[in-house]
Amino acid sequence: MKLRIEREQWPYRVPFRIARGVNGSLGVIVVTLFDDAGNMGRGEAAGIEYDGETNASMEAQIEAVRPSLEKDISRTQLAELLPAGGARNAVDCALWDLEAKATGIVAWTRAGYTNLHPVPTCATIGIGSAAEVLAAARHLSNWPRLKVKVDATHHLDAVRTVRTVCPNAALIIDANQSWTCGLLNHLAPELHTLGVQLIEQPVMRADQSSLRGYLGAIPLAADESCGDRTSLEPLVGLYQAVNIKLDKAGGLTEALAMAIAARRLGLLIMVGCMAGTSLAMAPAIVVAQEADFVDLDGPLLHRCDREHAIRYHAGMAYPPDRELWG
């Protein structure tokens, strides 16, 4: 087996701002694996920037184990070579794709699904001025599910605006660790009145124990606090849901196992993304088949997408074309 790593930059339609900062584009790596018969499998990763991952660091991780990777290793062996994170995600998803291409058996069949169904996904509204939020809400007014990015100062006004423009949309709020439990308790009653269904990662990972003092009725989802399976048990009693992302989990293999483990712990499941292209969304749609919340709108944030892109229509993300992945 041969391995190729490429770095790519995908510009956003407009600068994308969340509580951690603003970016004009997304950098990703794409791992391509080739077998001796000429079959090819691909996987994409953006990495976890708040854990220090970059395109360069992910590439270096993979290069460090290239000799082992090119010996036709299994996904189980991969988990012993690389830690959870973007580098392993790219290789793991490429292995799933290569196996599908080599055998003719689609990836989701191997994952236990006879067919893939379209999944209802959120569309995301980033942090912005009142005018920018209003314009974004109008642009997405036909979407039945929306996620609104907020921070410590941009919160209720943005949600009020979105609710006014989109009176029937299901709303998720994502604070990306920018709140305290005190601010959460202050905002929760009105957010509940506004029909918010879920609040993602309101407080810093290091401060998550403070959520024992949460008094609101809206379920909380762990995002930055949720990595792979080892992170799940400490979240019970603090969060009611976990956001499974392939970049955090280290690939489709671990993400599928996480979903099973989360269910056993009584946690709701959200499947999210790091705003990648359709190549990153494709394996995530497999995990999202039984999710309670789905946030896989990454390609819609970009100026363009890959060939054979995921189709989005009426708030649904459709299964990938096998020419893309799987």
Protein backbone atom coordinates (compact mmCIF):
# COMPACT_ATOMS: atom_id res chain seq x y z
CA MET A 1 0.00 0.00 0.00
CA LYS A 2 1.21 3.50 -0.81
CA LEU A 3 0.29 6.70 0.99
CA ARG A 4 0.03 10.30 -0.20
CA ILE A 5 -0.62 13.38 1.96
CA GLU A 6 -1.76 16.71 0.54
CA ARG A 7 -2.48 20.03 2.22
CA GLU A 8 -5.40 22.09 0.98
CA GLN A 9 -6.97 25.46 1.76
CA TRP A 10 -10.72 26.00 1.34
CA PRO A 11 -11.94 29.64 1.47
CA TYR A 12 -15.16 30.41 3.31
CA ARG A 13 -17.95 32.32 1.53
CA VAL A 14 -17.67 34.96 4.24
CA PRO A 15 -15.27 35.07 7.21
CA PHE A 16 -16.46 32.53 9.77
CA ARG A 17 -16.46 33.81 13.34
CA ILE A 18 -16.98 31.79 16.51
CA ALA A 19 -16.08 32.51 20.14
CA ARG A 20 -12.44 31.43 19.60
CA GLY A 21 -11.81 33.75 16.66
CA VAL A 22 -12.45 34.36 12.97
CA ASN A 23 -11.08 32.63 9.88
CA GLY A 24 -11.28 33.32 6.16
CA SER A 25 -10.53 29.76 5.11
CA LEU A 26 -10.08 26.23 6.40
CA GLY A 27 -6.90 24.23 6.05
CA VAL A 28 -7.19 20.46 5.72
CA ILE A 29 -5.06 17.47 4.90
CA VAL A 30 -6.18 14.74 2.54
CA VAL A 31 -4.70 11.26 2.90
CA THR A 32 -4.90 9.01 -0.16
CA LEU A 33 -4.09 5.30 0.08
CA PHE A 34 -3.36 3.13 -2.96
CA ASP A 35 -3.34 -0.67 -2.98
CA ASP A 36 -1.38 -2.87 -5.36
CA ALA A 37 -4.43 -3.36 -7.57
CA GLY A 38 -4.72 0.37 -8.21
CA ASN A 39 -7.66 1.03 -5.89
CA MET A 40 -7.66 4.37 -4.09
CA GLY A 41 -9.19 5.53 -0.80
CA ARG A 42 -9.31 9.04 0.64
CA GLY A 43 -9.85 10.72 4.01
CA GLU A 44 -9.91 14.38 5.03
CA ALA A 45 -9.10 16.05 8.35
CA ALA A 46 -9.04 19.64 9.54
CA GLY A 47 -7.69 18.70 12.96
CA ILE A 48 -8.52 20.14 16.37
CA GLU A 49 -7.01 23.61 16.41
CA TYR A 50 -7.82 24.25 20.09
CA ASP A 51 -5.66 21.21 20.91
CA GLY A 52 -2.81 22.60 18.82
CA GLU A 53 -3.33 20.52 15.70
CA THR A 54 -2.29 22.05 12.37
CA ASN A 55 -1.90 20.72 8.86
CA ALA A 56 1.82 20.51 9.49
CA SER A 57 1.51 18.66 12.81
CA MET A 58 -0.97 16.13 11.40
CA GLU A 59 1.25 15.50 8.40
CA ALA A 60 4.25 15.02 10.68
CA GLN A 61 2.34 12.49 12.80
CA ILE A 62 1.47 10.45 9.73
CA GLU A 63 4.96 10.67 8.24
CA ALA A 64 6.42 9.37 11.50
CA VAL A 65 4.54 6.09 11.05
CA ARG A 66 4.53 5.92 7.23
CA PRO A 67 6.55 2.65 7.06
CA SER A 68 3.98 0.91 9.26
CA LEU A 69 1.02 2.43 7.43
CA GLU A 70 2.31 1.20 4.07
CA LYS A 71 2.31 -2.41 5.31
CA ASP A 72 -1.44 -2.85 4.75
CA ILE A 73 -2.41 -2.33 8.37
CA SER A 74 -5.93 -2.75 9.70
CA ARG A 75 -8.04 -0.05 11.36
CA THR A 76 -7.44 -1.77 14.70
CA GLN A 77 -3.69 -1.59 14.19
CA LEU A 78 -4.01 2.06 13.18
CA ALA A 79 -5.52 2.88 16.58
CA GLU A 80 -2.34 1.50 18.17
CA LEU A 81 -0.10 3.61 15.94
CA LEU A 82 -1.74 7.03 16.19
CA PRO A 83 -3.66 8.78 18.99
CA ALA A 84 -7.17 10.13 18.58
CA GLY A 85 -7.14 13.29 16.48
CA GLY A 86 -7.11 14.60 12.96
CA ALA A 87 -4.15 12.58 11.67
CA ARG A 88 -5.71 9.26 12.60
CA ASN A 89 -9.08 10.41 11.28
CA ALA A 90 -7.71 11.09 7.80
CA VAL A 91 -5.99 7.70 7.63
CA ASP A 92 -8.90 5.78 9.17
CA CYS A 93 -11.43 7.23 6.73
CA ALA A 94 -9.06 6.53 3.84
CA LEU A 95 -8.84 2.90 4.98
CA TRP A 96 -12.65 2.59 5.03
CA ASP A 97 -12.83 4.09 1.53
CA LEU A 98 -10.03 1.92 0.16
CA GLU A 99 -11.63 -1.23 1.53
CA ALA A 100 -14.95 -0.28 -0.07
CA LYS A 101 -13.32 0.41 -3.42
CA ALA A 102 -11.29 -2.82 -3.31
CA THR A 103 -14.14 -5.13 -2.28
CA GLY A 104 -17.15 -3.44 -3.88
CA ILE A 105 -18.89 -3.52 -0.48
CA VAL A 106 -20.01 -0.06 0.56
CA ALA A 107 -18.54 1.34 3.77
CA TRP A 108 -21.89 1.74 5.48
CA THR A 109 -22.69 -1.93 4.96
CA ARG A 110 -19.51 -2.80 6.83
CA ALA A 111 -20.60 -0.31 9.50
CA GLY A 112 -23.86 -2.23 9.95
CA TYR A 113 -26.31 -0.27 7.80
CA THR A 114 -28.17 -1.78 4.86
CA ASN A 115 -28.85 1.68 3.45
CA LEU A 116 -27.93 5.23 4.30
CA HIS A 117 -30.77 7.69 4.74
CA PRO A 118 -30.66 11.49 4.41
CA VAL A 119 -30.08 13.13 7.78
CA PRO A 120 -31.61 16.42 9.00
CA THR A 121 -28.73 18.83 9.54
CA CYS A 122 -28.40 22.27 11.04
CA ALA A 123 -27.17 25.22 9.03
CA THR A 124 -24.80 27.47 11.00
CA ILE A 125 -24.98 31.21 11.63
CA GLY A 126 -21.65 32.61 12.81
CA ILE A 127 -21.09 35.48 15.22
CA GLY A 128 -21.51 38.87 13.57
CA SER A 129 -23.02 42.30 13.78
CA ALA A 130 -26.78 42.66 14.12
CA ALA A 131 -27.00 43.31 10.39
CA GLU A 132 -24.86 40.28 9.55
CA VAL A 133 -26.89 37.95 11.76
CA LEU A 134 -30.11 39.32 10.27
CA ALA A 135 -28.84 38.77 6.73
CA ALA A 136 -27.67 35.24 7.55
CA ALA A 137 -31.01 34.38 9.15
CA ARG A 138 -32.89 35.66 6.10
CA HIS A 139 -30.62 33.65 3.82
CA LEU A 140 -31.36 30.50 5.85
CA SER A 141 -35.01 31.23 6.60
CA ASN A 142 -36.16 28.06 4.82
CA TRP A 143 -33.96 25.78 6.94
CA PRO A 144 -35.87 23.83 9.60
CA ARG A 145 -32.81 23.56 11.90
CA LEU A 146 -30.28 26.26 12.70
CA LYS A 147 -27.22 26.53 14.90
CA VAL A 148 -26.34 29.98 16.22
CA LYS A 149 -22.76 30.69 17.29
CA VAL A 150 -22.52 32.91 20.39
CA ASP A 151 -19.95 34.22 22.85
CA ALA A 152 -19.91 36.07 26.16
CA THR A 153 -21.33 39.28 24.67
CA HIS A 154 -23.13 38.18 21.49
CA HIS A 155 -25.93 35.87 22.59
CA LEU A 156 -29.55 36.81 23.31
CA ASP A 157 -29.84 39.50 20.65
CA ALA A 158 -28.59 37.09 17.99
CA VAL A 159 -31.01 34.37 19.08
CA ARG A 160 -33.92 36.84 19.20
CA THR A 161 -33.11 37.96 15.66
CA VAL A 162 -32.93 34.43 14.34
CA ARG A 163 -36.15 33.47 16.08
CA THR A 164 -37.97 36.49 14.62
CA VAL A 165 -36.86 35.68 11.07
CA CYS A 166 -37.16 31.90 11.49
CA PRO A 167 -40.13 31.41 13.84
CA ASN A 168 -40.44 27.67 13.28
CA ALA A 169 -36.80 26.60 13.14
CA ALA A 170 -35.33 24.26 15.75
CA LEU A 171 -32.42 26.14 17.35
CA ILE A 172 -29.10 25.02 18.81
CA ILE A 173 -26.74 27.48 20.52
CA ASP A 174 -22.96 26.98 20.50
CA ALA A 175 -20.90 29.02 22.97
CA ASN A 176 -17.56 27.26 22.30
CA GLN A 177 -16.47 27.49 25.97
CA SER A 178 -17.05 31.25 26.22
CA TRP A 179 -19.56 31.34 29.09
CA THR A 180 -19.53 30.72 32.81
CA CYS A 181 -22.17 28.66 34.56
CA GLY A 182 -23.44 31.90 36.07
CA LEU A 183 -23.99 33.45 32.64
CA LEU A 184 -25.56 30.19 31.44
CA ASN A 185 -28.07 30.26 34.30
CA HIS A 186 -28.82 33.92 33.59
CA LEU A 187 -29.50 33.32 29.89
CA ALA A 188 -31.17 29.91 30.05
CA PRO A 189 -34.74 31.01 30.93
CA GLU A 190 -35.06 33.32 27.92
CA LEU A 191 -33.26 30.88 25.64
CA HIS A 192 -35.81 28.28 26.71
CA THR A 193 -38.62 30.72 25.94
CA LEU A 194 -37.07 31.30 22.51
CA GLY A 195 -37.29 27.59 21.83
CA VAL A 196 -33.60 26.67 22.01
CA GLN A 197 -33.33 22.87 22.06
CA LEU A 198 -29.66 22.38 22.91
CA ILE A 199 -26.70 24.41 24.19
CA GLU A 200 -23.23 23.27 23.15
CA GLN A 201 -20.17 23.55 25.39
CA PRO A 202 -21.13 26.63 27.42
CA VAL A 203 -18.07 26.57 29.72
CA MET A 204 -14.35 25.83 29.49
CA ARG A 205 -13.31 22.20 29.64
CA ALA A 206 -11.33 22.92 32.79
CA ASP A 207 -14.43 24.42 34.41
CA GLN A 208 -16.98 21.79 33.40
CA SER A 209 -17.55 20.66 37.01
CA SER A 210 -19.29 24.01 37.53
CA LEU A 211 -22.16 22.66 35.44
CA ARG A 212 -23.35 20.76 38.50
CA GLY A 213 -24.84 24.15 39.36
CA TYR A 214 -26.77 24.48 36.11
CA LEU A 215 -30.43 25.24 36.81
CA GLY A 216 -31.89 25.46 33.30
CA ALA A 217 -34.18 23.11 31.39
CA ILE A 218 -32.29 23.09 28.06
CA PRO A 219 -30.02 20.03 27.57
CA LEU A 220 -26.28 20.68 27.35
CA ALA A 221 -23.96 19.04 24.81
CA ALA A 222 -20.26 18.46 25.36
CA ASP A 223 -18.16 19.39 22.36
CA GLU A 224 -14.63 20.46 23.28
CA SER A 225 -14.98 18.30 26.42
CA CYS A 226 -15.80 15.22 24.32
CA GLY A 227 -12.95 13.48 22.50
CA ASP A 228 -12.91 9.71 22.15
CA ARG A 229 -14.55 7.00 24.25
CA THR A 230 -12.26 7.65 27.22
CA SER A 231 -13.81 11.10 27.63
CA LEU A 232 -17.42 9.96 27.95
CA GLU A 233 -17.91 8.70 31.50
CA PRO A 234 -16.69 11.92 33.19
CA LEU A 235 -19.36 13.83 31.23
CA VAL A 236 -22.30 11.93 32.74
CA GLY A 237 -24.18 14.19 35.15
CA LEU A 238 -22.71 17.35 33.61
CA TYR A 239 -23.98 17.07 30.05
CA GLN A 240 -26.98 15.36 28.55
CA ALA A 241 -25.50 15.00 25.05
CA VAL A 242 -22.12 14.58 23.38
CA ASN A 243 -20.97 15.99 20.04
CA ILE A 244 -19.10 13.24 18.20
CA LYS A 245 -16.71 14.58 15.58
CA LEU A 246 -14.46 12.34 13.55
CA ASP A 247 -11.49 14.68 13.91
CA LYS A 248 -11.73 14.46 17.70
CA ALA A 249 -12.49 10.74 17.81
CA GLY A 250 -9.73 9.82 15.41
CA GLY A 251 -11.87 8.42 12.63
CA LEU A 252 -15.07 6.66 11.69
CA THR A 253 -14.05 3.49 13.54
CA GLU A 254 -13.85 5.21 16.92
CA ALA A 255 -16.83 7.48 16.22
CA LEU A 256 -19.09 4.47 15.66
CA ALA A 257 -17.84 2.90 18.90
CA MET A 258 -18.39 6.19 20.71
CA ALA A 259 -22.01 6.34 19.60
CA ILE A 260 -22.65 2.90 21.06
CA ALA A 261 -20.89 3.78 24.31
CA ALA A 262 -22.74 7.10 24.61
CA ARG A 263 -26.11 5.38 24.24
CA ARG A 264 -25.17 2.91 26.98
CA LEU A 265 -24.38 5.84 29.26
CA GLY A 266 -27.76 7.43 28.56
CA LEU A 267 -26.33 10.35 26.59
CA LEU A 268 -27.97 11.94 23.56
CA ILE A 269 -25.84 11.93 20.41
CA MET A 270 -24.93 14.86 18.24
CA VAL A 271 -22.71 14.40 15.19
CA GLY A 272 -20.75 17.49 14.20
CA CYS A 273 -17.84 18.52 12.03
CA MET A 274 -14.86 20.85 11.83
CA ALA A 275 -16.38 22.70 8.85
CA GLY A 276 -14.69 20.53 6.25
CA THR A 277 -15.63 19.68 2.68
CA SER A 278 -17.97 16.93 1.49
CA LEU A 279 -15.11 14.44 1.80
CA ALA A 280 -15.14 15.00 5.56
CA MET A 281 -18.95 14.95 5.80
CA ALA A 282 -19.35 11.62 3.96
CA PRO A 283 -18.15 9.27 6.74
CA ALA A 284 -19.80 11.48 9.37
CA ILE A 285 -23.17 10.86 7.70
CA VAL A 286 -22.70 7.17 8.54
CA VAL A 287 -22.39 7.99 12.26
CA ALA A 288 -25.30 10.43 11.99
CA GLN A 289 -27.80 7.76 10.94
CA GLU A 290 -29.11 7.39 14.49
CA ALA A 291 -28.09 10.74 15.97
CA ASP A 292 -30.45 13.00 17.89
CA PHE A 293 -28.83 16.16 16.51
CA VAL A 294 -26.80 16.60 13.32
CA ASP A 295 -24.50 19.48 12.37
CA LEU A 296 -22.87 18.55 9.06
CA ASP A 297 -23.22 21.73 7.03
CA GLY A 298 -19.47 22.34 6.61
CA PRO A 299 -19.50 22.44 2.78
CA LEU A 300 -22.20 25.12 2.80
CA LEU A 301 -19.79 27.50 4.53
CA HIS A 302 -17.28 27.33 1.65
CA ARG A 303 -17.11 29.10 -1.69
CA CYS A 304 -16.85 25.77 -3.46
CA ASP A 305 -16.79 22.05 -2.74
CA ARG A 306 -15.38 18.84 -4.15
CA GLU A 307 -16.54 16.93 -7.18
CA HIS A 308 -19.41 14.53 -6.42
CA ALA A 309 -20.31 16.75 -3.46
CA ILE A 310 -22.83 15.90 -0.76
CA ARG A 311 -26.30 17.10 -1.77
CA TYR A 312 -28.21 19.37 0.60
CA HIS A 313 -31.90 20.04 0.16
CA ALA A 314 -34.66 21.29 2.47
CA GLY A 315 -32.47 20.91 5.54
CA MET A 316 -31.33 17.38 4.71
CA ALA A 317 -27.83 16.09 3.96
CA TYR A 318 -27.93 13.19 1.52
CA PRO A 319 -25.73 10.08 1.47
CA PRO A 320 -22.45 10.42 -0.40
CA ASP A 321 -21.88 9.41 -3.99
CA ARG A 322 -19.48 6.47 -3.97
CA GLU A 323 -17.23 8.41 -6.32
CA LEU A 324 -16.67 10.79 -3.41
CA TRP A 325 -16.21 8.28 -0.58
CA GLY A 326 -17.35 4.86 0.59
